[in-house]
N, C-alpha and C. Protein backbone atom coordinates (compact mmCIF):
# COMPACT_ATOMS: atom_id res chain seq x y z
N MET A 1 208.57 82.49 283.17
CA MET A 1 208.05 82.26 284.49
C MET A 1 207.97 83.62 285.19
N TRP A 2 206.81 83.85 285.81
CA TRP A 2 206.56 85.13 286.46
C TRP A 2 206.16 84.92 287.90
N VAL A 3 206.36 85.95 288.68
CA VAL A 3 205.90 85.97 290.06
C VAL A 3 205.10 87.25 290.25
N TYR A 4 203.93 87.09 290.85
CA TYR A 4 203.11 88.24 291.20
C TYR A 4 203.31 88.50 292.69
N TYR A 5 203.58 89.74 293.03
CA TYR A 5 203.81 90.13 294.41
C TYR A 5 202.65 90.98 294.91
N GLU A 6 202.38 90.87 296.21
CA GLU A 6 201.44 91.79 296.83
C GLU A 6 202.19 92.52 297.94
N GLU A 7 201.76 93.75 298.18
CA GLU A 7 202.42 94.55 299.19
C GLU A 7 201.74 94.34 300.53
N ILE A 8 202.53 93.92 301.52
CA ILE A 8 202.03 93.71 302.87
C ILE A 8 202.94 94.49 303.81
N ASP A 9 202.35 95.42 304.53
CA ASP A 9 203.10 96.26 305.47
C ASP A 9 204.30 96.93 304.81
N GLY A 10 204.12 97.39 303.59
CA GLY A 10 205.17 98.10 302.88
C GLY A 10 206.23 97.23 302.24
N GLU A 11 206.09 95.91 302.35
CA GLU A 11 207.06 95.00 301.75
C GLU A 11 206.39 94.15 300.68
N LEU A 12 207.13 93.87 299.61
CA LEU A 12 206.61 93.01 298.56
C LEU A 12 206.78 91.56 298.98
N GLN A 13 205.68 90.82 298.95
CA GLN A 13 205.67 89.40 299.28
C GLN A 13 205.22 88.61 298.05
N PRO A 14 205.94 87.56 297.67
CA PRO A 14 205.50 86.77 296.52
C PRO A 14 204.18 86.08 296.81
N LYS A 15 203.24 86.18 295.88
CA LYS A 15 201.90 85.64 296.08
C LYS A 15 201.63 84.45 295.15
N TRP A 16 201.89 84.64 293.84
CA TRP A 16 201.58 83.60 292.85
C TRP A 16 202.78 83.34 291.96
N LEU A 17 202.93 82.10 291.59
CA LEU A 17 203.85 81.69 290.54
C LEU A 17 203.00 81.52 289.29
N ILE A 18 203.40 82.13 288.20
CA ILE A 18 202.62 82.09 286.96
C ILE A 18 203.46 81.42 285.89
N LEU A 19 202.94 80.32 285.38
CA LEU A 19 203.66 79.49 284.41
C LEU A 19 202.93 79.49 283.08
N LYS A 20 203.68 79.51 282.00
CA LYS A 20 203.10 79.39 280.67
C LYS A 20 202.50 77.99 280.54
N ALA A 21 201.22 77.92 280.22
CA ALA A 21 200.54 76.63 280.10
C ALA A 21 201.01 75.90 278.85
N ARG A 22 201.26 74.63 279.00
CA ARG A 22 201.59 73.77 277.86
C ARG A 22 200.53 72.66 277.83
N THR A 23 199.39 72.99 277.26
CA THR A 23 198.24 72.10 277.33
C THR A 23 198.26 71.00 276.27
N ASN A 24 199.24 71.03 275.39
CA ASN A 24 199.32 69.98 274.37
C ASN A 24 200.10 68.77 274.86
N GLU A 25 200.56 68.80 276.09
CA GLU A 25 201.31 67.69 276.68
C GLU A 25 200.44 67.02 277.75
N GLN A 26 200.65 65.72 277.95
CA GLN A 26 199.94 65.05 279.04
C GLN A 26 200.39 65.58 280.39
N CYS A 27 201.69 65.72 280.53
CA CYS A 27 202.29 66.25 281.75
C CYS A 27 203.27 67.34 281.36
N SER A 28 203.24 68.42 282.11
CA SER A 28 204.18 69.51 281.88
C SER A 28 205.14 69.58 283.05
N TYR A 29 206.42 69.64 282.75
CA TYR A 29 207.47 69.73 283.76
C TYR A 29 207.97 71.17 283.80
N TYR A 30 208.04 71.73 285.00
CA TYR A 30 208.48 73.11 285.17
C TYR A 30 209.62 73.14 286.19
N TYR A 31 210.77 73.57 285.75
CA TYR A 31 211.91 73.77 286.65
C TYR A 31 211.79 75.20 287.18
N ILE A 32 211.59 75.32 288.46
CA ILE A 32 211.25 76.62 289.02
C ILE A 32 212.41 77.28 289.75
N ASP A 33 213.60 77.07 289.25
CA ASP A 33 214.75 77.68 289.90
C ASP A 33 215.15 79.00 289.23
N GLY A 34 214.22 79.61 288.49
CA GLY A 34 214.43 80.94 287.93
C GLY A 34 214.91 80.88 286.49
N PRO A 35 215.14 81.99 285.90
CA PRO A 35 214.91 83.34 286.39
C PRO A 35 213.42 83.68 286.42
N TYR A 36 213.08 84.65 287.24
CA TYR A 36 211.70 85.07 287.39
C TYR A 36 211.53 86.49 286.87
N ASN A 37 210.41 86.73 286.27
CA ASN A 37 210.02 88.08 285.88
C ASN A 37 208.87 88.49 286.78
N ARG A 38 208.81 89.76 287.09
CA ARG A 38 207.71 90.25 287.93
C ARG A 38 206.49 90.53 287.06
N MET A 39 205.34 90.05 287.53
CA MET A 39 204.08 90.33 286.85
C MET A 39 203.35 91.41 287.64
N TYR A 40 202.85 92.38 286.92
CA TYR A 40 202.12 93.49 287.52
C TYR A 40 200.63 93.32 287.25
N ASP A 41 199.82 94.07 287.99
CA ASP A 41 198.36 94.00 287.81
C ASP A 41 197.96 94.20 286.36
N GLY A 42 198.54 95.17 285.70
CA GLY A 42 198.18 95.48 284.33
C GLY A 42 198.53 94.39 283.34
N ASP A 43 199.44 93.50 283.70
CA ASP A 43 199.83 92.40 282.81
C ASP A 43 198.78 91.31 282.74
N MET A 44 197.82 91.33 283.63
CA MET A 44 196.86 90.23 283.74
C MET A 44 195.58 90.44 282.94
N TYR A 45 195.41 91.58 282.33
CA TYR A 45 194.14 91.85 281.66
C TYR A 45 193.89 90.99 280.44
N ASP A 46 194.88 90.67 279.69
CA ASP A 46 194.70 89.95 278.44
C ASP A 46 195.11 88.49 278.52
N MET A 47 195.09 87.91 279.69
CA MET A 47 195.53 86.52 279.80
C MET A 47 194.39 85.63 280.27
N THR A 48 194.39 84.41 279.75
CA THR A 48 193.45 83.40 280.21
C THR A 48 194.25 82.47 281.12
N ALA A 49 193.87 82.44 282.39
CA ALA A 49 194.64 81.68 283.37
C ALA A 49 193.74 80.72 284.13
N TYR A 50 194.38 79.69 284.66
CA TYR A 50 193.68 78.70 285.46
C TYR A 50 194.46 78.51 286.76
N SER A 51 193.76 78.60 287.87
CA SER A 51 194.39 78.46 289.17
C SER A 51 194.56 76.97 289.49
N ILE A 52 195.79 76.60 289.77
CA ILE A 52 196.12 75.21 290.06
C ILE A 52 196.22 75.03 291.57
N SER A 53 195.52 74.05 292.09
CA SER A 53 195.59 73.79 293.53
C SER A 53 196.71 72.79 293.82
N LEU A 54 197.08 72.71 295.07
CA LEU A 54 198.17 71.83 295.49
C LEU A 54 197.93 70.38 295.09
N LYS A 55 196.68 69.95 295.12
CA LYS A 55 196.38 68.55 294.79
C LYS A 55 196.62 68.23 293.31
N ASP A 56 196.72 69.26 292.47
CA ASP A 56 196.93 69.06 291.04
C ASP A 56 198.39 69.22 290.62
N ILE A 57 199.28 69.36 291.61
CA ILE A 57 200.71 69.51 291.32
C ILE A 57 201.45 68.35 291.95
N ASN A 58 202.44 67.86 291.25
CA ASN A 58 203.32 66.84 291.80
C ASN A 58 204.75 67.37 291.79
N ARG A 59 205.53 66.81 292.65
CA ARG A 59 206.96 67.10 292.68
C ARG A 59 207.67 65.98 291.94
N ASP A 60 208.59 66.33 291.09
CA ASP A 60 209.37 65.30 290.41
C ASP A 60 210.36 64.72 291.41
N PRO A 61 210.25 63.44 291.73
CA PRO A 61 211.12 62.85 292.74
C PRO A 61 212.56 62.70 292.27
N LEU A 62 212.79 62.85 290.98
CA LEU A 62 214.14 62.66 290.45
C LEU A 62 214.87 63.97 290.15
N GLN A 63 214.15 65.06 290.16
CA GLN A 63 214.74 66.36 289.84
C GLN A 63 214.41 67.37 290.93
N GLU A 64 215.42 68.10 291.37
CA GLU A 64 215.17 69.15 292.35
C GLU A 64 214.45 70.32 291.70
N ASN A 65 213.58 70.95 292.46
CA ASN A 65 212.88 72.16 292.02
C ASN A 65 212.10 71.97 290.73
N CYS A 66 211.54 70.81 290.55
CA CYS A 66 210.76 70.53 289.35
C CYS A 66 209.33 70.15 289.75
N LEU A 67 208.38 70.89 289.19
CA LEU A 67 206.97 70.61 289.41
C LEU A 67 206.39 69.93 288.18
N ILE A 68 205.43 69.07 288.41
CA ILE A 68 204.75 68.39 287.31
C ILE A 68 203.27 68.71 287.40
N ILE A 69 202.73 69.16 286.29
CA ILE A 69 201.30 69.44 286.22
C ILE A 69 200.71 68.49 285.19
N SER A 70 199.74 67.72 285.61
CA SER A 70 199.07 66.77 284.73
C SER A 70 197.86 67.44 284.08
N ASN A 71 197.92 67.59 282.78
CA ASN A 71 196.79 68.19 282.08
C ASN A 71 195.58 67.25 282.08
N ILE A 72 195.82 65.98 282.22
CA ILE A 72 194.72 65.01 282.32
C ILE A 72 193.93 65.29 283.61
N LYS A 73 194.66 65.50 284.72
CA LYS A 73 194.00 65.84 285.99
C LYS A 73 193.26 67.16 285.88
N LEU A 74 193.84 68.12 285.17
CA LEU A 74 193.19 69.42 285.03
C LEU A 74 191.90 69.29 284.21
N GLU A 75 191.93 68.48 283.17
CA GLU A 75 190.71 68.24 282.39
C GLU A 75 189.64 67.62 283.27
N GLN A 76 190.02 66.67 284.11
CA GLN A 76 189.07 66.04 285.03
C GLN A 76 188.54 67.06 286.03
N SER A 77 189.40 67.95 286.49
CA SER A 77 188.98 69.00 287.43
C SER A 77 187.99 69.94 286.77
N LEU A 78 188.24 70.33 285.53
CA LEU A 78 187.31 71.18 284.81
C LEU A 78 185.94 70.50 284.68
N LYS A 79 185.98 69.24 284.29
CA LYS A 79 184.73 68.48 284.12
C LYS A 79 183.98 68.35 285.45
N ARG A 80 184.73 68.07 286.51
CA ARG A 80 184.14 67.92 287.85
C ARG A 80 183.48 69.22 288.30
N ASN A 81 184.01 70.35 287.85
CA ASN A 81 183.47 71.65 288.23
C ASN A 81 182.50 72.20 287.18
N ASN A 82 181.96 71.29 286.37
CA ASN A 82 180.93 71.61 285.37
C ASN A 82 181.40 72.55 284.26
N TYR A 83 182.67 72.45 283.91
CA TYR A 83 183.20 73.18 282.76
C TYR A 83 183.48 72.18 281.64
N ASP A 84 183.48 72.65 280.43
CA ASP A 84 183.86 71.81 279.30
C ASP A 84 185.36 71.55 279.39
N GLU A 85 185.75 70.29 279.46
CA GLU A 85 187.17 69.97 279.63
C GLU A 85 188.03 70.39 278.45
N THR A 86 187.42 70.63 277.30
CA THR A 86 188.20 71.10 276.15
C THR A 86 188.64 72.55 276.32
N MET A 87 188.10 73.23 277.34
CA MET A 87 188.52 74.60 277.63
C MET A 87 189.98 74.67 278.03
N ILE A 88 190.56 73.52 278.40
CA ILE A 88 191.96 73.50 278.81
C ILE A 88 192.86 74.07 277.71
N HIS A 89 192.46 73.91 276.46
CA HIS A 89 193.28 74.38 275.35
C HIS A 89 193.19 75.89 275.15
N GLU A 90 192.34 76.54 275.90
CA GLU A 90 192.22 78.00 275.85
C GLU A 90 193.04 78.68 276.95
N ILE A 91 193.60 77.89 277.84
CA ILE A 91 194.37 78.42 278.96
C ILE A 91 195.75 78.83 278.49
N ASP A 92 196.15 80.06 278.84
CA ASP A 92 197.47 80.56 278.50
C ASP A 92 198.47 80.37 279.64
N TYR A 93 197.98 80.48 280.86
CA TYR A 93 198.87 80.44 282.03
C TYR A 93 198.24 79.65 283.16
N TYR A 94 199.12 79.03 283.95
CA TYR A 94 198.72 78.41 285.20
C TYR A 94 199.15 79.33 286.33
N ILE A 95 198.30 79.48 287.33
CA ILE A 95 198.62 80.29 288.50
C ILE A 95 198.64 79.37 289.71
N ILE A 96 199.74 79.43 290.46
CA ILE A 96 199.91 78.58 291.64
C ILE A 96 200.31 79.46 292.81
N LEU A 97 199.69 79.24 293.95
CA LEU A 97 200.07 79.97 295.15
C LEU A 97 201.52 79.64 295.52
N ILE A 98 202.29 80.65 295.82
CA ILE A 98 203.69 80.44 296.24
C ILE A 98 203.74 79.54 297.47
N GLU A 99 202.79 79.69 298.38
CA GLU A 99 202.74 78.85 299.58
C GLU A 99 202.62 77.37 299.21
N ASP A 100 201.83 77.07 298.17
CA ASP A 100 201.69 75.68 297.74
C ASP A 100 203.00 75.15 297.15
N VAL A 101 203.67 75.98 296.39
CA VAL A 101 204.96 75.58 295.81
C VAL A 101 205.96 75.31 296.92
N GLN A 102 206.01 76.19 297.90
CA GLN A 102 206.94 76.00 299.02
C GLN A 102 206.61 74.75 299.81
N GLU A 103 205.34 74.52 300.04
CA GLU A 103 204.93 73.32 300.79
C GLU A 103 205.33 72.05 300.05
N LEU A 104 205.12 72.03 298.77
CA LEU A 104 205.43 70.85 297.97
C LEU A 104 206.93 70.61 297.90
N LEU A 105 207.70 71.64 297.67
CA LEU A 105 209.14 71.46 297.51
C LEU A 105 209.88 71.29 298.82
N ASN A 106 209.30 71.72 299.92
CA ASN A 106 209.93 71.53 301.22
C ASN A 106 209.58 70.19 301.85
N TYR A 107 208.71 69.48 301.21
CA TYR A 107 208.31 68.17 301.70
C TYR A 107 209.51 67.23 301.64
N GLU A 108 209.92 66.69 302.76
CA GLU A 108 211.17 65.95 302.87
C GLU A 108 211.08 64.53 302.29
N THR A 109 209.99 63.85 302.54
CA THR A 109 209.88 62.47 302.12
C THR A 109 209.36 62.39 300.70
N VAL A 110 210.10 61.72 299.84
CA VAL A 110 209.69 61.56 298.45
C VAL A 110 209.17 60.14 298.29
N THR A 111 207.92 60.03 297.86
CA THR A 111 207.37 58.70 297.67
C THR A 111 207.88 58.10 296.38
N LYS A 112 207.90 56.80 296.32
CA LYS A 112 208.37 56.10 295.12
C LYS A 112 207.31 56.21 294.02
N ILE A 113 207.81 56.17 292.81
CA ILE A 113 206.91 56.20 291.66
C ILE A 113 206.31 54.81 291.52
N LYS A 114 204.98 54.74 291.49
CA LYS A 114 204.32 53.45 291.35
C LYS A 114 204.24 53.06 289.88
N LYS A 115 203.50 53.80 289.10
CA LYS A 115 203.43 53.54 287.67
C LYS A 115 204.09 54.67 286.92
N GLU A 116 203.45 55.82 287.00
CA GLU A 116 203.95 57.03 286.37
C GLU A 116 203.69 58.17 287.33
N VAL A 117 204.33 59.28 287.11
CA VAL A 117 204.09 60.43 287.95
C VAL A 117 202.74 61.02 287.65
N CYS A 118 202.34 60.99 286.38
CA CYS A 118 201.05 61.57 285.98
C CYS A 118 199.97 60.53 286.01
């Protein structure tokens, strides 16, 4: 798990959470309580990444600090955006805005699971 920082007013601010993609699973569970490695600009040249929006991430209601990414939703998102959904298997990393992670995990009310999380 990596964090990319940007410098704002001389201070490093976390910008993105970068997770190793596990596209062979229907749902991927990520415990984001560390440890974190810092990702630098030069580390990004040889990676295939997909930016995950807040609507494509779920919080695990039973585990603290656990995010769930549904690869089924991501395939649908690719298709909706006129990409071949099989491209999901070429993704090495997921990139998520730190602000989105904070918003999701700071959300106080946890809804009940209806059928499945994914």
